[in-house]
Amino acid sequence: MKIPHLNNFQYCKDFENVPFIQECPVSLIGSPFDSHTIGEERIVWFIKVLTGHCLQNVTDPLVYFGRSFYSIGDETFLQSLEDQEISFQSLTHRALLRMIWMYKTASPNSASKHIKRGLRRFYERKSHFNASGYNETLVEFYIKQISHALLRDASSSTFEEFISEHSRLLDASLIFKYYSRSLLHSARAKDEFIQPDLLPLDFV
C-alpha cells in the first residue's frame, strides 16, 4: 500500500497495516471528506492529506495517520461503545482487545459482566451487518488472554504500551490454534463458553 502524501516521511505500519509516523510530531494539511458524531458534542473528522511538515528535532509525541476510532481517547472510545454509537465496521479485532483491556484495568472484578453485556447489546442492534452475532466463547477467550497478561505484568499505563508488549494478541487467527472453526462457530459456542478442541488453554 502506497501513501503518496507521506513519501517524504519515515513511517511504519502496525499489525493491521495502518501507517503511523514515528519519533516526531507532524502537522498534516488536508481536506475533510467525512465526519462522524460521537455522543452529543464529539466529532471525528476524516481528511485527505495534501501535505505535511515534520519537526525532526523533536521526539514526542507519536502521531497516528488517521483511522476511524484508532487514536481517539480511551474515555471517548469507551463511551461510544456504551452508547452504541460506534459503527459495526469500527469494532475491529483491535478495538475488541482495547475494550477488554480498558474494562479489566478499570474494574477487574466486574469487567467480564460489563464487556459481555455491552457486546451482546451491540450485536443485537447491528445484527443486519453480521448474521453470526455475539460469540460467548470467542469473547471469553480474549478476556482470559488479557486477564492472564495483566496478572503477569500490569505495568502498562496505556493500551498502546500493553499491546506492544503482547502483540501476538493482534493476530485474529490466534484463537484457531485452540479451536477448530466448526466448534468455534457452533451454536453452543455462541451461547456458552466451551473448552477448546485443539489445544488446552495453557494461559489460565
N, C-alpha and C. Protein backbone atom coordinates (compact mmCIF):
# COMPACT_ATOMS: atom_id res chain seq x y z
N MET A 1 0.85 -1.19 0.00
CA MET A 1 0.00 0.00 0.00
C MET A 1 0.88 1.24 0.00
N LYS A 2 0.70 2.11 -0.99
CA LYS A 2 1.48 3.33 -1.09
C LYS A 2 0.65 4.52 -0.63
N ILE A 3 1.31 5.42 0.06
CA ILE A 3 0.64 6.62 0.54
C ILE A 3 1.42 7.81 -0.01
N PRO A 4 1.02 8.31 -1.20
CA PRO A 4 1.82 9.34 -1.89
C PRO A 4 2.14 10.55 -1.04
N HIS A 5 1.17 10.99 -0.22
CA HIS A 5 1.37 12.22 0.53
C HIS A 5 2.33 12.05 1.70
N LEU A 6 2.73 10.81 2.00
CA LEU A 6 3.67 10.58 3.10
C LEU A 6 5.04 10.12 2.59
N ASN A 7 5.27 10.29 1.30
CA ASN A 7 6.52 9.80 0.73
C ASN A 7 7.74 10.48 1.33
N ASN A 8 7.59 11.71 1.81
CA ASN A 8 8.73 12.45 2.36
C ASN A 8 8.98 12.16 3.83
N PHE A 9 8.15 11.30 4.43
CA PHE A 9 8.29 11.00 5.85
C PHE A 9 8.68 9.54 6.06
N GLN A 10 9.39 9.29 7.16
CA GLN A 10 9.66 7.94 7.59
C GLN A 10 8.43 7.43 8.33
N TYR A 11 7.82 6.35 7.86
CA TYR A 11 6.66 5.83 8.57
C TYR A 11 6.69 4.30 8.58
N CYS A 12 6.00 3.74 9.55
CA CYS A 12 5.93 2.29 9.72
C CYS A 12 4.47 1.85 9.60
N LYS A 13 4.25 0.54 9.67
CA LYS A 13 2.89 0.02 9.65
C LYS A 13 2.72 -0.93 10.83
N ASP A 14 1.53 -0.88 11.43
CA ASP A 14 1.27 -1.76 12.55
C ASP A 14 0.71 -3.09 12.05
N PHE A 15 0.21 -3.92 12.97
CA PHE A 15 -0.24 -5.25 12.61
C PHE A 15 -1.52 -5.25 11.77
N GLU A 16 -2.23 -4.12 11.75
CA GLU A 16 -3.43 -4.02 10.92
C GLU A 16 -3.14 -3.26 9.63
N ASN A 17 -1.84 -3.09 9.33
CA ASN A 17 -1.40 -2.41 8.12
C ASN A 17 -1.74 -0.92 8.13
N VAL A 18 -1.89 -0.34 9.31
CA VAL A 18 -2.18 1.09 9.43
C VAL A 18 -0.85 1.83 9.53
N PRO A 19 -0.61 2.81 8.65
CA PRO A 19 0.66 3.56 8.71
C PRO A 19 0.66 4.55 9.87
N PHE A 20 1.81 4.71 10.50
CA PHE A 20 1.94 5.75 11.51
C PHE A 20 3.31 6.37 11.42
N ILE A 21 3.38 7.65 11.78
CA ILE A 21 4.61 8.42 11.72
C ILE A 21 5.23 8.40 13.10
N GLN A 22 6.46 8.00 13.18
CA GLN A 22 7.08 7.71 14.47
C GLN A 22 8.23 8.67 14.76
N GLU A 23 8.39 8.97 16.06
CA GLU A 23 9.54 9.66 16.60
C GLU A 23 9.60 11.16 16.31
N CYS A 24 8.51 11.75 15.84
CA CYS A 24 8.49 13.19 15.66
C CYS A 24 7.06 13.68 15.49
N PRO A 25 6.76 14.91 15.94
CA PRO A 25 5.44 15.48 15.68
C PRO A 25 5.34 15.94 14.23
N VAL A 26 4.17 15.81 13.65
CA VAL A 26 3.95 16.16 12.26
C VAL A 26 2.67 16.97 12.15
N SER A 27 2.68 18.04 11.38
CA SER A 27 1.44 18.74 11.07
C SER A 27 1.02 18.34 9.67
N LEU A 28 -0.20 17.81 9.55
CA LEU A 28 -0.72 17.35 8.28
C LEU A 28 -1.80 18.30 7.80
N ILE A 29 -1.70 18.72 6.56
CA ILE A 29 -2.67 19.64 5.97
C ILE A 29 -3.50 18.87 4.95
N GLY A 30 -4.83 18.95 5.07
CA GLY A 30 -5.66 18.18 4.16
C GLY A 30 -7.06 18.75 4.05
N SER A 31 -7.87 18.06 3.26
CA SER A 31 -9.25 18.48 3.07
C SER A 31 -10.17 17.41 3.65
N PRO A 32 -11.17 17.80 4.46
CA PRO A 32 -12.08 16.81 5.06
C PRO A 32 -13.01 16.21 4.02
N PHE A 33 -13.28 14.89 4.18
CA PHE A 33 -14.22 14.25 3.27
C PHE A 33 -15.32 13.51 4.01
N ASP A 34 -15.21 13.38 5.34
CA ASP A 34 -16.26 12.70 6.09
C ASP A 34 -16.11 13.04 7.56
N SER A 35 -17.18 12.86 8.31
CA SER A 35 -17.13 13.07 9.76
C SER A 35 -18.18 12.20 10.42
N HIS A 36 -17.92 11.85 11.69
CA HIS A 36 -18.87 11.07 12.47
C HIS A 36 -19.05 11.73 13.82
N THR A 37 -20.28 11.82 14.27
CA THR A 37 -20.57 12.37 15.59
C THR A 37 -20.58 11.26 16.63
N ILE A 38 -19.86 11.47 17.73
CA ILE A 38 -19.83 10.52 18.82
C ILE A 38 -20.43 11.21 20.04
N GLY A 39 -21.56 10.73 20.51
CA GLY A 39 -22.24 11.41 21.60
C GLY A 39 -22.88 12.69 21.09
N GLU A 40 -23.08 13.65 21.99
CA GLU A 40 -23.76 14.88 21.63
C GLU A 40 -22.83 15.96 21.12
N GLU A 41 -21.54 15.90 21.50
CA GLU A 41 -20.65 17.00 21.19
C GLU A 41 -19.39 16.59 20.43
N ARG A 42 -19.00 15.35 20.45
CA ARG A 42 -17.73 14.94 19.89
C ARG A 42 -17.87 14.61 18.41
N ILE A 43 -16.92 15.08 17.61
CA ILE A 43 -16.92 14.81 16.18
C ILE A 43 -15.55 14.29 15.79
N VAL A 44 -15.50 13.20 15.03
CA VAL A 44 -14.26 12.67 14.48
C VAL A 44 -14.25 13.01 12.99
N TRP A 45 -13.20 13.69 12.54
CA TRP A 45 -13.08 14.08 11.13
C TRP A 45 -12.12 13.14 10.40
N PHE A 46 -12.43 12.89 9.14
CA PHE A 46 -11.55 12.12 8.27
C PHE A 46 -11.10 13.05 7.14
N ILE A 47 -9.79 13.10 6.90
CA ILE A 47 -9.27 14.04 5.91
C ILE A 47 -8.40 13.34 4.88
N LYS A 48 -8.34 13.91 3.71
CA LYS A 48 -7.38 13.50 2.69
C LYS A 48 -6.15 14.37 2.86
N VAL A 49 -5.00 13.76 3.14
CA VAL A 49 -3.78 14.50 3.41
C VAL A 49 -3.23 15.08 2.12
N LEU A 50 -2.99 16.40 2.11
CA LEU A 50 -2.45 17.08 0.94
C LEU A 50 -0.95 17.33 1.07
N THR A 51 -0.54 17.74 2.26
CA THR A 51 0.88 17.98 2.50
C THR A 51 1.11 17.94 4.00
N GLY A 52 2.37 18.04 4.41
CA GLY A 52 2.66 18.00 5.84
C GLY A 52 4.04 18.53 6.14
N HIS A 53 4.28 18.81 7.42
CA HIS A 53 5.57 19.32 7.87
C HIS A 53 6.04 18.51 9.06
N CYS A 54 7.30 18.12 9.03
CA CYS A 54 7.86 17.25 10.05
C CYS A 54 8.93 17.99 10.84
N LEU A 55 8.84 17.96 12.19
CA LEU A 55 9.84 18.58 13.04
C LEU A 55 10.84 17.52 13.49
N GLN A 56 11.96 17.44 12.81
CA GLN A 56 12.91 16.35 13.01
C GLN A 56 13.59 16.37 14.37
N ASN A 57 13.69 17.52 14.98
CA ASN A 57 14.48 17.63 16.21
C ASN A 57 13.67 17.36 17.47
N VAL A 58 12.38 17.09 17.34
CA VAL A 58 11.53 16.83 18.50
C VAL A 58 11.05 15.40 18.43
N THR A 59 11.13 14.67 19.53
CA THR A 59 10.86 13.23 19.50
C THR A 59 9.54 12.82 20.13
N ASP A 60 8.70 13.78 20.51
CA ASP A 60 7.44 13.44 21.16
C ASP A 60 6.38 14.40 20.63
N PRO A 61 5.19 13.93 20.34
CA PRO A 61 4.59 12.62 20.62
C PRO A 61 4.60 11.71 19.41
N LEU A 62 4.01 10.54 19.58
CA LEU A 62 3.78 9.62 18.48
C LEU A 62 2.50 10.06 17.78
N VAL A 63 2.55 10.28 16.49
CA VAL A 63 1.40 10.81 15.76
C VAL A 63 0.87 9.75 14.81
N TYR A 64 -0.41 9.49 14.89
CA TYR A 64 -1.03 8.48 14.03
C TYR A 64 -1.64 9.11 12.79
N PHE A 65 -1.53 8.43 11.68
CA PHE A 65 -2.20 8.84 10.45
C PHE A 65 -3.55 8.16 10.43
N GLY A 66 -4.61 8.95 10.25
CA GLY A 66 -5.98 8.63 10.60
C GLY A 66 -6.53 7.25 10.35
N ARG A 67 -7.29 6.78 11.29
CA ARG A 67 -8.11 5.59 11.13
C ARG A 67 -9.29 5.71 12.08
N SER A 68 -10.46 5.34 11.64
CA SER A 68 -11.65 5.51 12.44
C SER A 68 -11.50 4.86 13.82
N PHE A 69 -11.67 5.64 14.88
CA PHE A 69 -11.63 5.17 16.26
C PHE A 69 -10.28 4.54 16.64
N TYR A 70 -9.23 4.89 15.88
CA TYR A 70 -7.93 4.26 16.14
C TYR A 70 -7.16 5.00 17.23
N SER A 71 -7.21 6.32 17.20
CA SER A 71 -6.39 7.07 18.14
C SER A 71 -7.19 8.05 18.99
N ILE A 72 -8.52 7.90 19.02
CA ILE A 72 -9.30 8.75 19.91
C ILE A 72 -9.05 8.32 21.35
N GLY A 73 -9.35 9.22 22.29
CA GLY A 73 -9.08 8.95 23.69
C GLY A 73 -9.87 7.78 24.23
N ASP A 74 -9.33 7.17 25.29
CA ASP A 74 -9.98 5.99 25.88
C ASP A 74 -11.39 6.30 26.35
N GLU A 75 -11.57 7.46 26.99
CA GLU A 75 -12.89 7.80 27.51
C GLU A 75 -13.92 7.92 26.39
N THR A 76 -13.53 8.59 25.30
CA THR A 76 -14.43 8.76 24.16
C THR A 76 -14.72 7.42 23.50
N PHE A 77 -13.69 6.62 23.36
CA PHE A 77 -13.84 5.31 22.74
C PHE A 77 -14.83 4.45 23.52
N LEU A 78 -14.63 4.37 24.83
CA LEU A 78 -15.50 3.53 25.66
C LEU A 78 -16.93 4.07 25.69
N GLN A 79 -17.06 5.39 25.75
CA GLN A 79 -18.39 5.98 25.76
C GLN A 79 -19.14 5.69 24.47
N SER A 80 -18.42 5.72 23.34
CA SER A 80 -19.06 5.44 22.06
C SER A 80 -19.54 4.00 21.99
N LEU A 81 -18.82 3.09 22.64
CA LEU A 81 -19.25 1.69 22.70
C LEU A 81 -20.47 1.54 23.60
N GLU A 82 -20.43 2.16 24.77
CA GLU A 82 -21.53 2.03 25.72
C GLU A 82 -22.81 2.69 25.20
N ASP A 83 -22.65 3.76 24.41
CA ASP A 83 -23.81 4.44 23.84
C ASP A 83 -24.25 3.81 22.52
N GLN A 84 -23.56 2.74 22.10
CA GLN A 84 -23.90 2.04 20.86
C GLN A 84 -23.78 2.95 19.64
N GLU A 85 -22.81 3.87 19.66
CA GLU A 85 -22.66 4.82 18.57
C GLU A 85 -21.50 4.49 17.64
N ILE A 86 -20.70 3.52 18.01
CA ILE A 86 -19.61 3.10 17.16
C ILE A 86 -20.17 2.23 16.03
N SER A 87 -19.64 2.37 14.84
CA SER A 87 -20.16 1.60 13.71
C SER A 87 -19.69 0.15 13.80
N PHE A 88 -20.41 -0.74 13.14
CA PHE A 88 -20.03 -2.14 13.15
C PHE A 88 -18.63 -2.32 12.56
N GLN A 89 -18.33 -1.58 11.48
CA GLN A 89 -17.04 -1.70 10.81
C GLN A 89 -15.89 -1.25 11.71
N SER A 90 -16.19 -0.39 12.69
CA SER A 90 -15.14 0.12 13.57
C SER A 90 -14.83 -0.80 14.73
N LEU A 91 -15.71 -1.77 15.00
CA LEU A 91 -15.43 -2.72 16.08
C LEU A 91 -14.54 -3.83 15.52
N THR A 92 -13.29 -3.46 15.26
CA THR A 92 -12.31 -4.40 14.73
C THR A 92 -11.80 -5.31 15.84
N HIS A 93 -10.96 -6.25 15.46
CA HIS A 93 -10.34 -7.13 16.46
C HIS A 93 -9.54 -6.31 17.46
N ARG A 94 -8.80 -5.34 16.97
CA ARG A 94 -8.01 -4.48 17.85
C ARG A 94 -8.92 -3.70 18.81
N ALA A 95 -10.05 -3.21 18.29
CA ALA A 95 -10.98 -2.45 19.13
C ALA A 95 -11.56 -3.35 20.23
N LEU A 96 -11.82 -4.61 19.91
CA LEU A 96 -12.31 -5.55 20.92
C LEU A 96 -11.27 -5.73 22.02
N LEU A 97 -10.02 -5.89 21.65
CA LEU A 97 -8.95 -6.04 22.65
C LEU A 97 -8.84 -4.79 23.51
N ARG A 98 -8.96 -3.64 22.87
CA ARG A 98 -8.87 -2.37 23.61
C ARG A 98 -10.01 -2.25 24.60
N MET A 99 -11.20 -2.64 24.19
CA MET A 99 -12.36 -2.59 25.08
C MET A 99 -12.14 -3.48 26.29
N ILE A 100 -11.70 -4.71 26.06
CA ILE A 100 -11.48 -5.65 27.17
C ILE A 100 -10.40 -5.11 28.11
N TRP A 101 -9.30 -4.63 27.55
CA TRP A 101 -8.21 -4.09 28.38
C TRP A 101 -8.70 -2.94 29.25
N MET A 102 -9.49 -2.04 28.68
CA MET A 102 -9.96 -0.88 29.42
C MET A 102 -10.84 -1.29 30.59
N TYR A 103 -11.76 -2.22 30.36
CA TYR A 103 -12.63 -2.67 31.45
C TYR A 103 -11.84 -3.44 32.51
N LYS A 104 -10.91 -4.29 32.07
CA LYS A 104 -10.14 -5.10 33.02
C LYS A 104 -9.22 -4.25 33.89
N THR A 105 -8.71 -3.16 33.34
CA THR A 105 -7.82 -2.30 34.13
C THR A 105 -8.62 -1.34 35.02
N ALA A 106 -9.84 -0.99 34.60
CA ALA A 106 -10.66 -0.05 35.37
C ALA A 106 -11.41 -0.74 36.51
N SER A 107 -11.99 -1.90 36.24
CA SER A 107 -12.78 -2.62 37.26
C SER A 107 -12.64 -4.12 37.04
N PRO A 108 -11.54 -4.70 37.48
CA PRO A 108 -11.24 -6.12 37.21
C PRO A 108 -12.34 -7.08 37.64
N ASN A 109 -12.96 -6.83 38.78
CA ASN A 109 -13.93 -7.79 39.30
C ASN A 109 -15.25 -7.83 38.53
N SER A 110 -15.64 -6.71 37.97
CA SER A 110 -16.92 -6.65 37.25
C SER A 110 -16.74 -6.50 35.75
N ALA A 111 -15.49 -6.56 35.28
CA ALA A 111 -15.21 -6.30 33.87
C ALA A 111 -15.95 -7.25 32.93
N SER A 112 -15.89 -8.54 33.21
CA SER A 112 -16.49 -9.53 32.31
C SER A 112 -17.97 -9.27 32.10
N LYS A 113 -18.67 -8.94 33.17
CA LYS A 113 -20.11 -8.68 33.09
C LYS A 113 -20.40 -7.50 32.17
N HIS A 114 -19.64 -6.41 32.33
CA HIS A 114 -19.86 -5.22 31.52
C HIS A 114 -19.48 -5.46 30.06
N ILE A 115 -18.37 -6.15 29.85
CA ILE A 115 -17.92 -6.43 28.48
C ILE A 115 -18.97 -7.23 27.72
N LYS A 116 -19.44 -8.30 28.34
CA LYS A 116 -20.37 -9.19 27.66
C LYS A 116 -21.74 -8.54 27.46
N ARG A 117 -22.18 -7.81 28.45
CA ARG A 117 -23.47 -7.12 28.32
C ARG A 117 -23.42 -6.09 27.20
N GLY A 118 -22.32 -5.34 27.15
CA GLY A 118 -22.17 -4.33 26.10
C GLY A 118 -22.08 -4.92 24.71
N LEU A 119 -21.34 -6.00 24.58
CA LEU A 119 -21.19 -6.64 23.27
C LEU A 119 -22.47 -7.32 22.81
N ARG A 120 -23.21 -7.92 23.73
CA ARG A 120 -24.49 -8.54 23.35
C ARG A 120 -25.45 -7.47 22.81
N ARG A 121 -25.51 -6.35 23.51
CA ARG A 121 -26.37 -5.26 23.05
C ARG A 121 -25.91 -4.75 21.69
N PHE A 122 -24.60 -4.64 21.53
CA PHE A 122 -24.05 -4.13 20.28
C PHE A 122 -24.43 -5.04 19.11
N TYR A 123 -24.23 -6.34 19.28
CA TYR A 123 -24.52 -7.27 18.18
C TYR A 123 -26.02 -7.40 17.92
N GLU A 124 -26.81 -7.22 18.95
CA GLU A 124 -28.26 -7.24 18.74
C GLU A 124 -28.70 -6.07 17.87
N ARG A 125 -28.12 -4.91 18.12
CA ARG A 125 -28.50 -3.71 17.36
C ARG A 125 -27.88 -3.69 15.97
N LYS A 126 -26.76 -4.40 15.79
CA LYS A 126 -26.07 -4.40 14.49
C LYS A 126 -26.25 -5.73 13.76
N SER A 127 -27.29 -6.47 14.08
CA SER A 127 -27.47 -7.82 13.53
C SER A 127 -27.61 -7.82 12.02
N HIS A 128 -28.04 -6.70 11.43
CA HIS A 128 -28.18 -6.64 9.98
C HIS A 128 -26.82 -6.59 9.28
N PHE A 129 -25.74 -6.32 10.05
CA PHE A 129 -24.40 -6.32 9.47
C PHE A 129 -23.74 -7.69 9.57
N ASN A 130 -24.06 -8.42 10.61
CA ASN A 130 -23.37 -9.69 10.86
C ASN A 130 -24.35 -10.70 11.42
N ALA A 131 -24.72 -11.66 10.59
CA ALA A 131 -25.73 -12.65 10.99
C ALA A 131 -25.21 -13.58 12.08
N SER A 132 -23.89 -13.76 12.18
CA SER A 132 -23.33 -14.70 13.16
C SER A 132 -23.49 -14.19 14.58
N GLY A 133 -23.48 -12.86 14.76
CA GLY A 133 -23.76 -12.27 16.07
C GLY A 133 -22.70 -12.50 17.13
N TYR A 134 -23.13 -12.34 18.38
CA TYR A 134 -22.24 -12.46 19.54
C TYR A 134 -21.79 -13.90 19.74
N ASN A 135 -20.52 -14.06 20.15
CA ASN A 135 -19.97 -15.39 20.40
C ASN A 135 -19.35 -15.41 21.80
N GLU A 136 -20.00 -16.08 22.73
CA GLU A 136 -19.55 -16.13 24.12
C GLU A 136 -18.16 -16.74 24.25
N THR A 137 -17.89 -17.79 23.51
CA THR A 137 -16.59 -18.47 23.61
C THR A 137 -15.46 -17.58 23.13
N LEU A 138 -15.67 -16.90 22.02
CA LEU A 138 -14.64 -16.00 21.48
C LEU A 138 -14.35 -14.86 22.46
N VAL A 139 -15.39 -14.24 22.99
CA VAL A 139 -15.20 -13.11 23.90
C VAL A 139 -14.51 -13.57 25.18
N GLU A 140 -14.95 -14.69 25.74
CA GLU A 140 -14.34 -15.20 26.97
C GLU A 140 -12.88 -15.60 26.74
N PHE A 141 -12.57 -16.12 25.57
CA PHE A 141 -11.19 -16.49 25.24
C PHE A 141 -10.27 -15.28 25.36
N TYR A 142 -10.68 -14.14 24.79
CA TYR A 142 -9.81 -12.96 24.83
C TYR A 142 -9.85 -12.28 26.19
N ILE A 143 -10.94 -12.40 26.92
CA ILE A 143 -10.94 -11.91 28.30
C ILE A 143 -9.91 -12.68 29.12
N LYS A 144 -9.87 -14.00 28.94
CA LYS A 144 -8.90 -14.82 29.67
C LYS A 144 -7.47 -14.49 29.24
N GLN A 145 -7.27 -14.28 27.94
CA GLN A 145 -5.93 -13.95 27.44
C GLN A 145 -5.43 -12.64 28.07
N ILE A 146 -6.26 -11.62 28.03
CA ILE A 146 -5.84 -10.32 28.54
C ILE A 146 -5.72 -10.34 30.07
N SER A 147 -6.62 -11.04 30.75
CA SER A 147 -6.53 -11.16 32.21
C SER A 147 -5.22 -11.82 32.61
N HIS A 148 -4.84 -12.86 31.89
CA HIS A 148 -3.58 -13.56 32.18
C HIS A 148 -2.40 -12.63 31.95
N ALA A 149 -2.43 -11.88 30.86
CA ALA A 149 -1.33 -10.95 30.56
C ALA A 149 -1.21 -9.88 31.64
N LEU A 150 -2.34 -9.39 32.13
CA LEU A 150 -2.32 -8.36 33.18
C LEU A 150 -1.84 -8.91 34.52
N LEU A 151 -2.14 -10.17 34.78
CA LEU A 151 -1.65 -10.78 36.02
C LEU A 151 -0.14 -10.91 36.00
N ARG A 152 0.40 -11.19 34.84
CA ARG A 152 1.85 -11.34 34.70
C ARG A 152 2.56 -9.99 34.73
N ASP A 153 1.91 -8.97 34.14
CA ASP A 153 2.55 -7.66 34.08
C ASP A 153 1.48 -6.59 33.93
N ALA A 154 1.26 -5.82 34.97
CA ALA A 154 0.23 -4.78 34.96
C ALA A 154 0.85 -3.38 34.90
N SER A 155 2.07 -3.30 34.39
CA SER A 155 2.80 -2.03 34.41
C SER A 155 2.39 -1.08 33.29
N SER A 156 1.73 -1.57 32.26
CA SER A 156 1.37 -0.71 31.13
C SER A 156 0.30 0.29 31.54
N SER A 157 0.55 1.56 31.26
CA SER A 157 -0.40 2.61 31.62
C SER A 157 -1.36 2.95 30.49
N THR A 158 -1.05 2.51 29.28
CA THR A 158 -1.93 2.75 28.13
C THR A 158 -2.11 1.46 27.36
N PHE A 159 -3.16 1.42 26.56
CA PHE A 159 -3.39 0.24 25.74
C PHE A 159 -2.27 0.05 24.73
N GLU A 160 -1.74 1.13 24.17
CA GLU A 160 -0.65 1.03 23.20
C GLU A 160 0.58 0.36 23.81
N GLU A 161 0.88 0.69 25.06
CA GLU A 161 2.00 0.05 25.75
C GLU A 161 1.71 -1.42 25.97
N PHE A 162 0.49 -1.71 26.41
CA PHE A 162 0.12 -3.09 26.67
C PHE A 162 0.20 -3.94 25.41
N ILE A 163 -0.38 -3.46 24.32
CA ILE A 163 -0.45 -4.28 23.11
C ILE A 163 0.91 -4.41 22.43
N SER A 164 1.80 -3.46 22.64
CA SER A 164 3.15 -3.59 22.09
C SER A 164 3.92 -4.69 22.81
N GLU A 165 3.59 -4.92 24.10
CA GLU A 165 4.22 -5.98 24.87
C GLU A 165 3.57 -7.34 24.61
N HIS A 166 2.33 -7.32 24.14
CA HIS A 166 1.59 -8.57 23.90
C HIS A 166 1.02 -8.56 22.48
N SER A 167 1.89 -8.31 21.54
CA SER A 167 1.47 -8.10 20.15
C SER A 167 0.86 -9.35 19.50
N ARG A 168 1.13 -10.51 20.06
CA ARG A 168 0.57 -11.73 19.48
C ARG A 168 -0.96 -11.73 19.55
N LEU A 169 -1.51 -10.97 20.49
CA LEU A 169 -2.97 -10.89 20.61
C LEU A 169 -3.60 -10.20 19.41
N LEU A 170 -2.82 -9.43 18.67
CA LEU A 170 -3.35 -8.74 17.50
C LEU A 170 -3.62 -9.69 16.34
N ASP A 171 -3.08 -10.88 16.42
CA ASP A 171 -3.33 -11.88 15.39
C ASP A 171 -4.72 -12.48 15.60
N ALA A 172 -5.65 -12.10 14.74
CA ALA A 172 -7.04 -12.55 14.91
C ALA A 172 -7.20 -14.05 14.71
N SER A 173 -6.19 -14.69 14.13
CA SER A 173 -6.27 -16.15 13.93
C SER A 173 -5.72 -16.92 15.13
N LEU A 174 -5.26 -16.22 16.16
CA LEU A 174 -4.70 -16.88 17.35
C LEU A 174 -5.67 -17.89 17.94
N ILE A 175 -6.93 -17.54 17.99
CA ILE A 175 -7.93 -18.41 18.62
C ILE A 175 -8.06 -19.76 17.91
N PHE A 176 -7.72 -19.79 16.62
CA PHE A 176 -7.86 -21.03 15.85
C PHE A 176 -6.71 -22.00 16.10
N LYS A 177 -5.74 -21.60 16.91
CA LYS A 177 -4.73 -22.55 17.37
C LYS A 177 -5.32 -23.43 18.47
N TYR A 178 -6.39 -22.93 19.10
CA TYR A 178 -7.04 -23.63 20.20
C TYR A 178 -8.37 -24.27 19.78
N TYR A 179 -9.08 -23.59 18.90
CA TYR A 179 -10.41 -24.05 18.49
C TYR A 179 -10.47 -24.34 17.00
N SER A 180 -11.15 -25.41 16.64
CA SER A 180 -11.46 -25.63 15.23
C SER A 180 -12.55 -24.64 14.84
N ARG A 181 -12.61 -24.31 13.58
CA ARG A 181 -13.61 -23.35 13.12
C ARG A 181 -15.03 -23.90 13.33
N SER A 182 -15.18 -25.18 13.12
CA SER A 182 -16.52 -25.76 13.27
C SER A 182 -17.02 -25.65 14.71
N LEU A 183 -16.11 -25.86 15.67
CA LEU A 183 -16.52 -25.75 17.08
C LEU A 183 -16.77 -24.30 17.47
N LEU A 184 -15.86 -23.41 17.08
CA LEU A 184 -15.99 -22.00 17.48
C LEU A 184 -17.26 -21.37 16.90
N HIS A 185 -17.65 -21.79 15.72
CA HIS A 185 -18.81 -21.20 15.05
C HIS A 185 -20.10 -21.97 15.34
N SER A 186 -20.02 -22.94 16.23
CA SER A 186 -21.21 -23.73 16.55
C SER A 186 -22.18 -22.92 17.40
N ALA A 187 -23.44 -23.33 17.40
CA ALA A 187 -24.46 -22.63 18.18
C ALA A 187 -24.15 -22.68 19.67
N ARG A 188 -23.62 -23.79 20.13
CA ARG A 188 -23.29 -23.92 21.56
C ARG A 188 -22.19 -22.94 21.97
N ALA A 189 -21.15 -22.80 21.11
CA ALA A 189 -20.04 -21.89 21.42
C ALA A 189 -20.51 -20.44 21.46
N LYS A 190 -21.51 -20.12 20.69
CA LYS A 190 -22.04 -18.76 20.70
C LYS A 190 -22.83 -18.47 21.97
N ASP A 191 -23.47 -19.49 22.50
CA ASP A 191 -24.34 -19.29 23.67
C ASP A 191 -23.62 -19.43 25.00
N GLU A 192 -22.58 -20.27 25.05
CA GLU A 192 -21.87 -20.50 26.30
C GLU A 192 -20.40 -20.79 26.04
N PHE A 193 -19.58 -20.50 27.04
CA PHE A 193 -18.14 -20.76 26.87
C PHE A 193 -17.89 -22.26 26.92
N ILE A 194 -17.13 -22.76 25.92
CA ILE A 194 -16.75 -24.17 25.91
C ILE A 194 -15.25 -24.29 25.76
N GLN A 195 -14.71 -25.38 26.27
CA GLN A 195 -13.27 -25.62 26.21
C GLN A 195 -12.85 -25.94 24.77
N PRO A 196 -11.61 -25.61 24.42
CA PRO A 196 -11.13 -25.84 23.04
C PRO A 196 -10.95 -27.31 22.73
N ASP A 197 -10.91 -27.61 21.43
CA ASP A 197 -10.75 -28.99 20.99
C ASP A 197 -9.39 -29.26 20.34
N LEU A 198 -8.55 -28.23 20.17
CA LEU A 198 -7.25 -28.43 19.53
C LEU A 198 -6.10 -28.36 20.54
N LEU A 199 -6.06 -27.31 21.33
CA LEU A 199 -5.05 -27.14 22.37
C LEU A 199 -5.72 -26.69 23.66
N PRO A 200 -5.22 -27.15 24.81
CA PRO A 200 -5.80 -26.69 26.08
C PRO A 200 -5.45 -25.23 26.32
N LEU A 201 -6.23 -24.56 27.12
CA LEU A 201 -5.96 -23.17 27.45
C LEU A 201 -4.80 -23.12 28.45
N ASP A 202 -3.62 -22.93 27.94
CA ASP A 202 -2.41 -23.00 28.77
C ASP A 202 -2.11 -21.68 29.47
N PHE A 203 -3.00 -20.71 29.36
CA PHE A 203 -2.75 -19.41 29.96
C PHE A 203 -3.72 -19.11 31.10
N VAL A 204 -4.48 -20.11 31.55
CA VAL A 204 -5.43 -19.89 32.65
C VAL A 204 -4.99 -20.65 33.90
